[in-house]
Amino acid sequence: MSATANIKAGRAYVEVTADSSKLRKSLGEAQAQLRSFSKSCTAMGREMLALGGAMSLPFALAERSFAGFDDRMRLVQAVTNSTGEAFESLTKTAQRLGRETSFTAQQVADAMIALGRMGFDRTEIEASISSVLNLSRATGTELAESADIAANSMRIFGLEASKMSQVTDVLTATANGSAQTLTDLFEGLKVAGPQAAAAGESLDELCAALGVMANMGVKGSLAGTALRKAYVQFADVNVQNTLREVGVEATDANGNLRNMAEVMRDIALATKKLPTAERLAFMKDVFDVR
């Protein structure tokens, strides 16, 4: 409210005249000015509050982000039993990758947690983490899930952490080169993996077989179950004879089981022209589907 308006409003009260209409008019103007001033103050207050909130928001978000990263790194420390320089090194690695890649430092920390829970130590995590980031980015899979999948795949086949780059390359190529996601692929791997490893198959060979299965329309745990049974079934002489009837050999000249991916491709080609009912009956016998 301006000084002039204050003076005018005051005069409306102290200059008593015989003209009552003038008095009422002055009072009305004064009240209107007071209401306008009040509204201006209220609006200004709202704007100040909004501005204060907007100014504090980035700081609040940064504080929460820092707290989140700090919490995740404490968990990294717990699962890796790292202290002192080892823990400081992991922290710096997470921060660096958070700056240099499309992932945040907190996401990198989550991937470290997944690796740590699989028994990776500080040195193994630092040697593996970049490959895990590449796997996640290439397949569109969450980073922590990618770390879990890669680490579990390695453990199933008894591979060392130094092989992480090759493992993530195989997983990426299979997932992106067949009709399945990385998650589908791992669902099959964890079901069929132990049996495949026992049969002498490598991760590469099992992934190739799962890729063939996916392109046949069977993926995930269903593909894994079928392949797990196949490793047992194909060693059976009766099943080998059944396969031989359609021109498929399950074993090589030395009696060893052939590469599973090659056998699966041969089965797909050999049964492609069979009537649907006959093909289903054949698959039921060969894969022991009950």
C-alpha atoms as a PDB file:
ATOM      1  CA  MET A   1       0.000   0.000   0.000  1.00  0.00           C
ATOM      2  CA  SER A   2       1.518   3.382  -1.025  1.00  0.00           C
ATOM      3  CA  ALA A   3       2.022   6.347   1.307  1.00  0.00           C
ATOM      4  CA  THR A   4      -0.548   8.354  -0.699  1.00  0.00           C
ATOM      5  CA  ALA A   5      -3.123   5.622  -0.278  1.00  0.00           C
ATOM      6  CA  ASN A   6      -2.453   5.574   3.487  1.00  0.00           C
ATOM      7  CA  ILE A   7      -2.981   9.318   3.735  1.00  0.00           C
ATOM      8  CA  LYS A   8      -6.216   9.159   1.777  1.00  0.00           C
ATOM      9  CA  ALA A   9      -7.520   6.301   3.846  1.00  0.00           C
ATOM     10  CA  GLY A  10      -6.661   8.169   7.046  1.00  0.00           C
ATOM     11  CA  ARG A  11      -8.426  11.324   5.944  1.00  0.00           C
ATOM     12  CA  ALA A  12     -11.556   9.322   5.258  1.00  0.00           C
ATOM     13  CA  TYR A  13     -11.713   8.607   8.976  1.00  0.00           C
ATOM     14  CA  VAL A  14     -10.616  11.938  10.518  1.00  0.00           C
ATOM     15  CA  GLU A  15     -12.162  14.546   8.186  1.00  0.00           C
ATOM     16  CA  VAL A  16     -15.779  14.332   9.314  1.00  0.00           C
ATOM     17  CA  THR A  17     -18.052  16.366   7.007  1.00  0.00           C
ATOM     18  CA  ALA A  18     -21.707  16.695   6.487  1.00  0.00           C
ATOM     19  CA  ASP A  19     -21.440  14.789   3.212  1.00  0.00           C
ATOM     20  CA  SER A  20     -22.073  11.213   4.388  1.00  0.00           C
ATOM     21  CA  SER A  21     -21.946   9.862   0.859  1.00  0.00           C
ATOM     22  CA  LYS A  22     -18.389  11.158   0.532  1.00  0.00           C
ATOM     23  CA  LEU A  23     -17.495   9.417   3.781  1.00  0.00           C
ATOM     24  CA  ARG A  24     -18.956   6.121   2.614  1.00  0.00           C
ATOM     25  CA  LYS A  25     -17.157   6.465  -0.703  1.00  0.00           C
ATOM     26  CA  SER A  26     -13.822   7.105   1.013  1.00  0.00           C
ATOM     27  CA  LEU A  27     -14.330   4.171   3.355  1.00  0.00           C
ATOM     28  CA  GLY A  28     -15.151   1.908   0.425  1.00  0.00           C
ATOM     29  CA  GLU A  29     -12.024   2.971  -1.429  1.00  0.00           C
ATOM     30  CA  ALA A  30      -9.899   2.407   1.658  1.00  0.00           C
ATOM     31  CA  GLN A  31     -11.327  -1.065   2.198  1.00  0.00           C
ATOM     32  CA  ALA A  32     -10.778  -1.970  -1.457  1.00  0.00           C
ATOM     33  CA  GLN A  33      -7.165  -0.819  -1.244  1.00  0.00           C
ATOM     34  CA  LEU A  34      -6.635  -2.829   1.933  1.00  0.00           C
ATOM     35  CA  ARG A  35      -8.094  -5.947   0.305  1.00  0.00           C
ATOM     36  CA  SER A  36      -5.884  -5.458  -2.756  1.00  0.00           C
ATOM     37  CA  PHE A  37      -2.814  -5.033  -0.573  1.00  0.00           C
ATOM     38  CA  SER A  38      -3.718  -8.177   1.381  1.00  0.00           C
ATOM     39  CA  LYS A  39      -4.107 -10.204  -1.820  1.00  0.00           C
ATOM     40  CA  SER A  40      -0.759  -8.938  -3.100  1.00  0.00           C
ATOM     41  CA  CYS A  41       0.954 -10.026   0.113  1.00  0.00           C
ATOM     42  CA  THR A  42      -0.688 -13.441  -0.022  1.00  0.00           C
ATOM     43  CA  ALA A  43       0.308 -13.954  -3.661  1.00  0.00           C
ATOM     44  CA  MET A  44       3.836 -12.797  -2.938  1.00  0.00           C
ATOM     45  CA  GLY A  45       4.011 -15.216  -0.034  1.00  0.00           C
ATOM     46  CA  ARG A  46       2.943 -18.107  -2.241  1.00  0.00           C
ATOM     47  CA  GLU A  47       5.522 -17.143  -4.849  1.00  0.00           C
ATOM     48  CA  MET A  48       8.243 -16.908  -2.218  1.00  0.00           C
ATOM     49  CA  LEU A  49       7.312 -20.325  -0.856  1.00  0.00           C
ATOM     50  CA  ALA A  50       7.266 -21.827  -4.340  1.00  0.00           C
ATOM     51  CA  LEU A  51      10.588 -20.223  -5.177  1.00  0.00           C
ATOM     52  CA  GLY A  52      12.071 -21.489  -1.937  1.00  0.00           C
ATOM     53  CA  GLY A  53      10.827 -25.002  -2.700  1.00  0.00           C
ATOM     54  CA  ALA A  54      12.177 -24.877  -6.243  1.00  0.00           C
ATOM     55  CA  MET A  55      15.543 -23.654  -5.032  1.00  0.00           C
ATOM     56  CA  SER A  56      15.778 -26.351  -2.376  1.00  0.00           C
ATOM     57  CA  LEU A  57      14.605 -29.240  -4.609  1.00  0.00           C
ATOM     58  CA  PRO A  58      17.945 -29.893  -6.371  1.00  0.00           C
ATOM     59  CA  PHE A  59      19.726 -29.863  -3.028  1.00  0.00           C
ATOM     60  CA  ALA A  60      17.173 -32.269  -1.539  1.00  0.00           C
ATOM     61  CA  LEU A  61      17.460 -34.614  -4.515  1.00  0.00           C
ATOM     62  CA  ALA A  62      21.241 -34.488  -4.384  1.00  0.00           C
ATOM     63  CA  GLU A  63      21.174 -35.234  -0.678  1.00  0.00           C
ATOM     64  CA  ARG A  64      18.859 -38.228  -1.171  1.00  0.00           C
ATOM     65  CA  SER A  65      20.980 -39.470  -4.085  1.00  0.00           C
ATOM     66  CA  PHE A  66      24.134 -39.205  -2.007  1.00  0.00           C
ATOM     67  CA  ALA A  67      22.484 -40.984   0.909  1.00  0.00           C
ATOM     68  CA  GLY A  68      21.268 -43.741  -1.442  1.00  0.00           C
ATOM     69  CA  PHE A  69      24.732 -44.275  -2.907  1.00  0.00           C
ATOM     70  CA  ASP A  70      26.321 -44.225   0.528  1.00  0.00           C
ATOM     71  CA  ASP A  71      23.851 -46.852   1.751  1.00  0.00           C
ATOM     72  CA  ARG A  72      24.477 -49.076  -1.277  1.00  0.00           C
ATOM     73  CA  MET A  73      28.237 -48.861  -0.844  1.00  0.00           C
ATOM     74  CA  ARG A  74      27.910 -49.888   2.784  1.00  0.00           C
ATOM     75  CA  LEU A  75      26.129 -53.002   1.532  1.00  0.00           C
ATOM     76  CA  VAL A  76      28.902 -53.541  -1.031  1.00  0.00           C
ATOM     77  CA  GLN A  77      31.336 -53.378   1.861  1.00  0.00           C
ATOM     78  CA  ALA A  78      29.301 -55.930   3.801  1.00  0.00           C
ATOM     79  CA  VAL A  79      28.968 -58.516   1.010  1.00  0.00           C
ATOM     80  CA  THR A  80      32.595 -58.216  -0.103  1.00  0.00           C
ATOM     81  CA  ASN A  81      34.143 -57.869   3.355  1.00  0.00           C
ATOM     82  CA  SER A  82      36.216 -55.019   1.965  1.00  0.00           C
ATOM     83  CA  THR A  83      37.770 -52.409   4.220  1.00  0.00           C
ATOM     84  CA  GLY A  84      40.247 -49.581   3.999  1.00  0.00           C
ATOM     85  CA  GLU A  85      41.894 -49.157   0.609  1.00  0.00           C
ATOM     86  CA  ALA A  86      39.899 -52.018  -0.951  1.00  0.00           C
ATOM     87  CA  PHE A  87      36.573 -50.393  -0.092  1.00  0.00           C
ATOM     88  CA  GLU A  88      37.827 -46.970  -1.137  1.00  0.00           C
ATOM     89  CA  SER A  89      38.835 -48.430  -4.498  1.00  0.00           C
ATOM     90  CA  LEU A  90      35.360 -49.918  -5.048  1.00  0.00           C
ATOM     91  CA  THR A  91      33.759 -46.598  -4.128  1.00  0.00           C
ATOM     92  CA  LYS A  92      35.938 -44.681  -6.577  1.00  0.00           C
ATOM     93  CA  THR A  93      35.207 -47.227  -9.315  1.00  0.00           C
ATOM     94  CA  ALA A  94      31.447 -46.850  -8.819  1.00  0.00           C
ATOM     95  CA  GLN A  95      31.720 -43.054  -8.831  1.00  0.00           C
ATOM     96  CA  ARG A  96      33.901 -43.046 -11.946  1.00  0.00           C
ATOM     97  CA  LEU A  97      31.564 -45.322 -13.895  1.00  0.00           C
ATOM     98  CA  GLY A  98      28.651 -43.194 -12.716  1.00  0.00           C
ATOM     99  CA  ARG A  99      30.329 -40.186 -14.344  1.00  0.00           C
ATOM    100  CA  GLU A 100      31.589 -41.879 -17.503  1.00  0.00           C
ATOM    101  CA  THR A 101      28.648 -44.131 -18.464  1.00  0.00           C
ATOM    102  CA  SER A 102      24.877 -43.882 -18.822  1.00  0.00           C
ATOM    103  CA  PHE A 103      24.457 -45.566 -15.425  1.00  0.00           C
ATOM    104  CA  THR A 104      24.396 -43.826 -12.064  1.00  0.00           C
ATOM    105  CA  ALA A 105      26.941 -44.573  -9.366  1.00  0.00           C
ATOM    106  CA  GLN A 106      24.130 -46.090  -7.306  1.00  0.00           C
ATOM    107  CA  GLN A 107      23.210 -48.482 -10.138  1.00  0.00           C
ATOM    108  CA  VAL A 108      26.849 -49.510 -10.420  1.00  0.00           C
ATOM    109  CA  ALA A 109      26.890 -50.124  -6.675  1.00  0.00           C
ATOM    110  CA  ASP A 110      23.819 -52.373  -7.026  1.00  0.00           C
ATOM    111  CA  ALA A 111      25.658 -54.406  -9.676  1.00  0.00           C
ATOM    112  CA  MET A 112      28.637 -54.691  -7.333  1.00  0.00           C
ATOM    113  CA  ILE A 113      26.315 -56.007  -4.633  1.00  0.00           C
ATOM    114  CA  ALA A 114      25.002 -58.697  -7.007  1.00  0.00           C
ATOM    115  CA  LEU A 115      28.541 -59.776  -7.876  1.00  0.00           C
ATOM    116  CA  GLY A 116      29.638 -59.681  -4.254  1.00  0.00           C
ATOM    117  CA  ARG A 117      26.777 -61.942  -3.248  1.00  0.00           C
ATOM    118  CA  MET A 118      28.025 -64.466  -5.792  1.00  0.00           C
ATOM    119  CA  GLY A 119      31.405 -64.547  -4.092  1.00  0.00           C
ATOM    120  CA  PHE A 120      33.297 -62.042  -6.239  1.00  0.00           C
ATOM    121  CA  ASP A 121      35.982 -60.192  -4.301  1.00  0.00           C
ATOM    122  CA  ARG A 122      37.058 -56.602  -4.836  1.00  0.00           C
ATOM    123  CA  THR A 123      39.610 -57.424  -7.547  1.00  0.00           C
ATOM    124  CA  GLU A 124      37.149 -59.643  -9.434  1.00  0.00           C
ATOM    125  CA  ILE A 125      34.394 -57.036  -9.233  1.00  0.00           C
ATOM    126  CA  GLU A 126      36.623 -54.295 -10.596  1.00  0.00           C
ATOM    127  CA  ALA A 127      37.791 -56.581 -13.406  1.00  0.00           C
ATOM    128  CA  SER A 128      34.222 -57.614 -14.296  1.00  0.00           C
ATOM    129  CA  ILE A 129      32.026 -54.581 -13.777  1.00  0.00           C
ATOM    130  CA  SER A 130      32.623 -52.900 -17.162  1.00  0.00           C
ATOM    131  CA  SER A 131      31.616 -56.086 -19.007  1.00  0.00           C
ATOM    132  CA  VAL A 132      28.453 -56.280 -16.914  1.00  0.00           C
ATOM    133  CA  LEU A 133      27.603 -52.681 -17.827  1.00  0.00           C
ATOM    134  CA  ASN A 134      28.057 -53.535 -21.512  1.00  0.00           C
ATOM    135  CA  LEU A 135      25.769 -56.574 -21.143  1.00  0.00           C
ATOM    136  CA  SER A 136      23.060 -54.486 -19.519  1.00  0.00           C
ATOM    137  CA  ARG A 137      23.243 -51.720 -22.096  1.00  0.00           C
ATOM    138  CA  ALA A 138      23.376 -54.090 -25.091  1.00  0.00           C
ATOM    139  CA  THR A 139      20.402 -56.223 -24.007  1.00  0.00           C
ATOM    140  CA  GLY A 140      18.263 -53.562 -22.340  1.00  0.00           C
ATOM    141  CA  THR A 141      18.290 -55.453 -19.047  1.00  0.00           C
ATOM    142  CA  GLU A 142      18.460 -53.862 -15.599  1.00  0.00           C
ATOM    143  CA  LEU A 143      22.066 -53.546 -14.473  1.00  0.00           C
ATOM    144  CA  ALA A 144      21.756 -55.464 -11.191  1.00  0.00           C
ATOM    145  CA  GLU A 145      19.873 -58.269 -12.971  1.00  0.00           C
ATOM    146  CA  SER A 146      22.551 -58.415 -15.672  1.00  0.00           C
ATOM    147  CA  ALA A 147      25.222 -58.772 -12.998  1.00  0.00           C
ATOM    148  CA  ASP A 148      23.287 -61.574 -11.330  1.00  0.00           C
ATOM    149  CA  ILE A 149      22.747 -63.408 -14.631  1.00  0.00           C
ATOM    150  CA  ALA A 150      26.385 -63.134 -15.709  1.00  0.00           C
ATOM    151  CA  ALA A 151      27.746 -64.218 -12.330  1.00  0.00           C
ATOM    152  CA  ASN A 152      25.374 -67.180 -12.010  1.00  0.00           C
ATOM    153  CA  SER A 153      26.105 -68.320 -15.566  1.00  0.00           C
ATOM    154  CA  MET A 154      29.810 -68.347 -14.768  1.00  0.00           C
ATOM    155  CA  ARG A 155      29.334 -70.260 -11.548  1.00  0.00           C
ATOM    156  CA  ILE A 156      27.177 -72.941 -13.216  1.00  0.00           C
ATOM    157  CA  PHE A 157      30.052 -73.772 -15.554  1.00  0.00           C
ATOM    158  CA  GLY A 158      32.819 -73.203 -13.016  1.00  0.00           C
ATOM    159  CA  LEU A 159      34.321 -70.259 -14.888  1.00  0.00           C
ATOM    160  CA  GLU A 160      36.709 -67.780 -13.304  1.00  0.00           C
ATOM    161  CA  ALA A 161      35.953 -64.070 -13.016  1.00  0.00           C
ATOM    162  CA  SER A 162      38.647 -63.396 -15.624  1.00  0.00           C
ATOM    163  CA  LYS A 163      36.273 -64.932 -18.200  1.00  0.00           C
ATOM    164  CA  MET A 164      33.541 -62.347 -17.587  1.00  0.00           C
ATOM    165  CA  SER A 165      34.147 -60.528 -20.870  1.00  0.00           C
ATOM    166  CA  GLN A 166      33.744 -63.730 -22.918  1.00  0.00           C
ATOM    167  CA  VAL A 167      30.679 -64.744 -20.902  1.00  0.00           C
ATOM    168  CA  THR A 168      28.910 -61.427 -21.407  1.00  0.00           C
ATOM    169  CA  ASP A 169      29.756 -61.525 -25.124  1.00  0.00           C
ATOM    170  CA  VAL A 170      28.147 -64.978 -25.450  1.00  0.00           C
ATOM    171  CA  LEU A 171      25.075 -63.953 -23.460  1.00  0.00           C
ATOM    172  CA  THR A 172      24.653 -60.772 -25.502  1.00  0.00           C
ATOM    173  CA  ALA A 173      25.068 -62.526 -28.849  1.00  0.00           C
ATOM    174  CA  THR A 174      22.596 -65.283 -27.920  1.00  0.00           C
ATOM    175  CA  ALA A 175      19.938 -63.011 -26.436  1.00  0.00           C
ATOM    176  CA  ASN A 176      20.083 -60.499 -29.283  1.00  0.00           C
ATOM    177  CA  GLY A 177      20.526 -63.126 -31.995  1.00  0.00           C
ATOM    178  CA  SER A 178      17.489 -65.261 -31.151  1.00  0.00           C
ATOM    179  CA  ALA A 179      13.821 -64.832 -30.298  1.00  0.00           C
ATOM    180  CA  GLN A 180      14.319 -64.280 -26.578  1.00  0.00           C
ATOM    181  CA  THR A 181      15.440 -61.782 -23.971  1.00  0.00           C
ATOM    182  CA  LEU A 182      18.438 -62.117 -21.679  1.00  0.00           C
ATOM    183  CA  THR A 183      16.021 -63.017 -18.881  1.00  0.00           C
ATOM    184  CA  ASP A 184      14.484 -65.794 -21.021  1.00  0.00           C
ATOM    185  CA  LEU A 185      17.947 -67.094 -21.823  1.00  0.00           C
ATOM    186  CA  PHE A 186      18.957 -67.251 -18.180  1.00  0.00           C
ATOM    187  CA  GLU A 187      15.729 -69.016 -17.205  1.00  0.00           C
ATOM    188  CA  GLY A 188      16.779 -71.769 -19.592  1.00  0.00           C
ATOM    189  CA  LEU A 189      20.411 -71.679 -18.486  1.00  0.00           C
ATOM    190  CA  LYS A 190      19.739 -72.183 -14.814  1.00  0.00           C
ATOM    191  CA  VAL A 191      17.488 -75.192 -15.518  1.00  0.00           C
ATOM    192  CA  ALA A 192      19.639 -76.961 -18.120  1.00  0.00           C
ATOM    193  CA  GLY A 193      23.045 -75.627 -17.066  1.00  0.00           C
ATOM    194  CA  PRO A 194      24.004 -78.155 -14.389  1.00  0.00           C
ATOM    195  CA  GLN A 195      23.096 -81.112 -16.634  1.00  0.00           C
ATOM    196  CA  ALA A 196      24.881 -79.554 -19.607  1.00  0.00           C
ATOM    197  CA  ALA A 197      28.027 -78.925 -17.563  1.00  0.00           C
ATOM    198  CA  ALA A 198      27.954 -82.516 -16.294  1.00  0.00           C
ATOM    199  CA  ALA A 199      27.675 -83.718 -19.897  1.00  0.00           C
ATOM    200  CA  GLY A 200      30.781 -81.744 -20.841  1.00  0.00           C
ATOM    201  CA  GLU A 201      29.010 -78.967 -22.732  1.00  0.00           C
ATOM    202  CA  SER A 202      30.301 -75.414 -22.478  1.00  0.00           C
ATOM    203  CA  LEU A 203      28.312 -72.263 -21.764  1.00  0.00           C
ATOM    204  CA  ASP A 204      28.706 -71.287 -25.420  1.00  0.00           C
ATOM    205  CA  GLU A 205      27.269 -74.616 -26.584  1.00  0.00           C
ATOM    206  CA  LEU A 206      24.312 -74.524 -24.215  1.00  0.00           C
ATOM    207  CA  CYS A 207      23.541 -70.923 -25.192  1.00  0.00           C
ATOM    208  CA  ALA A 208      23.605 -71.951 -28.848  1.00  0.00           C
ATOM    209  CA  ALA A 209      21.147 -74.784 -28.120  1.00  0.00           C
ATOM    210  CA  LEU A 210      18.853 -72.424 -26.208  1.00  0.00           C
ATOM    211  CA  GLY A 211      19.030 -70.018 -29.144  1.00  0.00           C
ATOM    212  CA  VAL A 212      17.869 -72.780 -31.491  1.00  0.00           C
ATOM    213  CA  MET A 213      15.048 -73.677 -29.102  1.00  0.00           C
ATOM    214  CA  ALA A 214      13.951 -70.034 -28.865  1.00  0.00           C
ATOM    215  CA  ASN A 215      13.769 -69.757 -32.641  1.00  0.00           C
ATOM    216  CA  MET A 216      11.594 -72.885 -32.592  1.00  0.00           C
ATOM    217  CA  GLY A 217       9.209 -71.058 -30.260  1.00  0.00           C
ATOM    218  CA  VAL A 218      10.354 -72.705 -27.022  1.00  0.00           C
ATOM    219  CA  LYS A 219      12.209 -70.495 -24.557  1.00  0.00           C
ATOM    220  CA  GLY A 220      12.789 -69.784 -20.897  1.00  0.00           C
ATOM    221  CA  SER A 221      12.344 -72.556 -18.360  1.00  0.00           C
ATOM    222  CA  LEU A 222      10.450 -74.685 -20.911  1.00  0.00           C
ATOM    223  CA  ALA A 223      13.496 -74.729 -23.182  1.00  0.00           C
ATOM    224  CA  GLY A 224      15.733 -75.434 -20.208  1.00  0.00           C
ATOM    225  CA  THR A 225      13.575 -78.353 -19.094  1.00  0.00           C
ATOM    226  CA  ALA A 226      13.525 -79.836 -22.606  1.00  0.00           C
ATOM    227  CA  LEU A 227      17.308 -79.596 -22.918  1.00  0.00           C
ATOM    228  CA  ARG A 228      17.918 -80.953 -19.437  1.00  0.00           C
ATOM    229  CA  LYS A 229      15.922 -84.035 -20.385  1.00  0.00           C
ATOM    230  CA  ALA A 230      17.632 -84.214 -23.766  1.00  0.00           C
ATOM    231  CA  TYR A 231      21.073 -84.651 -22.202  1.00  0.00           C
ATOM    232  CA  VAL A 232      19.738 -87.722 -20.412  1.00  0.00           C
ATOM    233  CA  GLN A 233      17.453 -88.987 -23.173  1.00  0.00           C
ATOM    234  CA  PHE A 234      19.966 -88.779 -26.006  1.00  0.00           C
ATOM    235  CA  ALA A 235      22.286 -91.135 -24.137  1.00  0.00           C
ATOM    236  CA  ASP A 236      19.549 -93.789 -24.265  1.00  0.00           C
ATOM    237  CA  VAL A 237      19.961 -96.298 -27.116  1.00  0.00           C
ATOM    238  CA  ASN A 238      16.213 -96.462 -27.767  1.00  0.00           C
ATOM    239  CA  VAL A 239      15.998 -92.689 -28.146  1.00  0.00           C
ATOM    240  CA  GLN A 240      19.041 -92.713 -30.413  1.00  0.00           C
ATOM    241  CA  ASN A 241      17.253 -95.249 -32.634  1.00  0.00           C
ATOM    242  CA  THR A 242      14.111 -93.088 -32.687  1.00  0.00           C
ATOM    243  CA  LEU A 243      16.174 -90.113 -33.790  1.00  0.00           C
ATOM    244  CA  ARG A 244      17.959 -92.203 -36.374  1.00  0.00           C
ATOM    245  CA  GLU A 245      14.587 -93.050 -37.955  1.00  0.00           C
ATOM    246  CA  VAL A 246      14.234 -89.426 -39.040  1.00  0.00           C
ATOM    247  CA  GLY A 247      17.892 -89.137 -40.031  1.00  0.00           C
ATOM    248  CA  VAL A 248      19.285 -87.560 -36.855  1.00  0.00           C
ATOM    249  CA  GLU A 249      22.398 -88.862 -35.109  1.00  0.00           C
ATOM    250  CA  ALA A 250      22.692 -88.030 -31.403  1.00  0.00           C
ATOM    251  CA  THR A 251      26.262 -89.333 -31.116  1.00  0.00           C
ATOM    252  CA  ASP A 252      29.424 -89.029 -33.172  1.00  0.00           C
ATOM    253  CA  ALA A 253      31.551 -91.838 -34.649  1.00  0.00           C
ATOM    254  CA  ASN A 254      33.186 -92.398 -31.257  1.00  0.00           C
ATOM    255  CA  GLY A 255      29.890 -92.762 -29.455  1.00  0.00           C
ATOM    256  CA  ASN A 256      30.118 -89.365 -27.768  1.00  0.00           C
ATOM    257  CA  LEU A 257      27.104 -87.077 -27.568  1.00  0.00           C
ATOM    258  CA  ARG A 258      27.191 -84.525 -30.364  1.00  0.00           C
ATOM    259  CA  ASN A 259      26.962 -80.800 -29.772  1.00  0.00           C
ATOM    260  CA  MET A 260      23.433 -80.209 -28.478  1.00  0.00           C
ATOM    261  CA  ALA A 261      22.810 -77.159 -30.665  1.00  0.00           C
ATOM    262  CA  GLU A 262      23.664 -79.198 -33.771  1.00  0.00           C
ATOM    263  CA  VAL A 263      21.401 -82.069 -32.702  1.00  0.00           C
ATOM    264  CA  MET A 264      18.538 -79.639 -32.030  1.00  0.00           C
ATOM    265  CA  ARG A 265      18.976 -78.031 -35.456  1.00  0.00           C
ATOM    266  CA  ASP A 266      18.950 -81.474 -37.095  1.00  0.00           C
ATOM    267  CA  ILE A 267      15.762 -82.407 -35.238  1.00  0.00           C
ATOM    268  CA  ALA A 268      14.087 -79.153 -36.276  1.00  0.00           C
ATOM    269  CA  LEU A 269      14.968 -79.724 -39.936  1.00  0.00           C
ATOM    270  CA  ALA A 270      14.084 -83.429 -39.887  1.00  0.00           C
ATOM    271  CA  THR A 271      10.629 -82.897 -38.390  1.00  0.00           C
ATOM    272  CA  LYS A 272       9.726 -79.666 -40.156  1.00  0.00           C
ATOM    273  CA  LYS A 273       7.586 -81.381 -42.797  1.00  0.00           C
ATOM    274  CA  LEU A 274       5.923 -83.913 -40.504  1.00  0.00           C
ATOM    275  CA  PRO A 275       2.182 -83.494 -39.843  1.00  0.00           C
ATOM    276  CA  THR A 276       1.591 -81.597 -36.607  1.00  0.00           C
ATOM    277  CA  ALA A 277       0.199 -84.573 -34.674  1.00  0.00           C
ATOM    278  CA  GLU A 278       3.054 -86.827 -35.774  1.00  0.00           C
ATOM    279  CA  ARG A 279       5.649 -84.209 -34.938  1.00  0.00           C
ATOM    280  CA  LEU A 280       4.209 -83.671 -31.453  1.00  0.00           C
ATOM    281  CA  ALA A 281       4.179 -87.422 -30.804  1.00  0.00           C
ATOM    282  CA  PHE A 282       7.805 -87.649 -31.936  1.00  0.00           C
ATOM    283  CA  MET A 283       8.861 -84.789 -29.643  1.00  0.00           C
ATOM    284  CA  LYS A 284       6.983 -86.363 -26.754  1.00  0.00           C
ATOM    285  CA  ASP A 285       8.902 -89.622 -27.129  1.00  0.00           C
ATOM    286  CA  VAL A 286      12.301 -88.028 -27.697  1.00  0.00           C
ATOM    287  CA  PHE A 287      12.097 -85.485 -24.877  1.00  0.00           C
ATOM    288  CA  ASP A 288      10.113 -87.684 -22.503  1.00  0.00           C
ATOM    289  CA  VAL A 289       7.286 -85.151 -22.168  1.00  0.00           C
ATOM    290  CA  ARG A 290       4.625 -86.564 -19.867  1.00  0.00           C
END
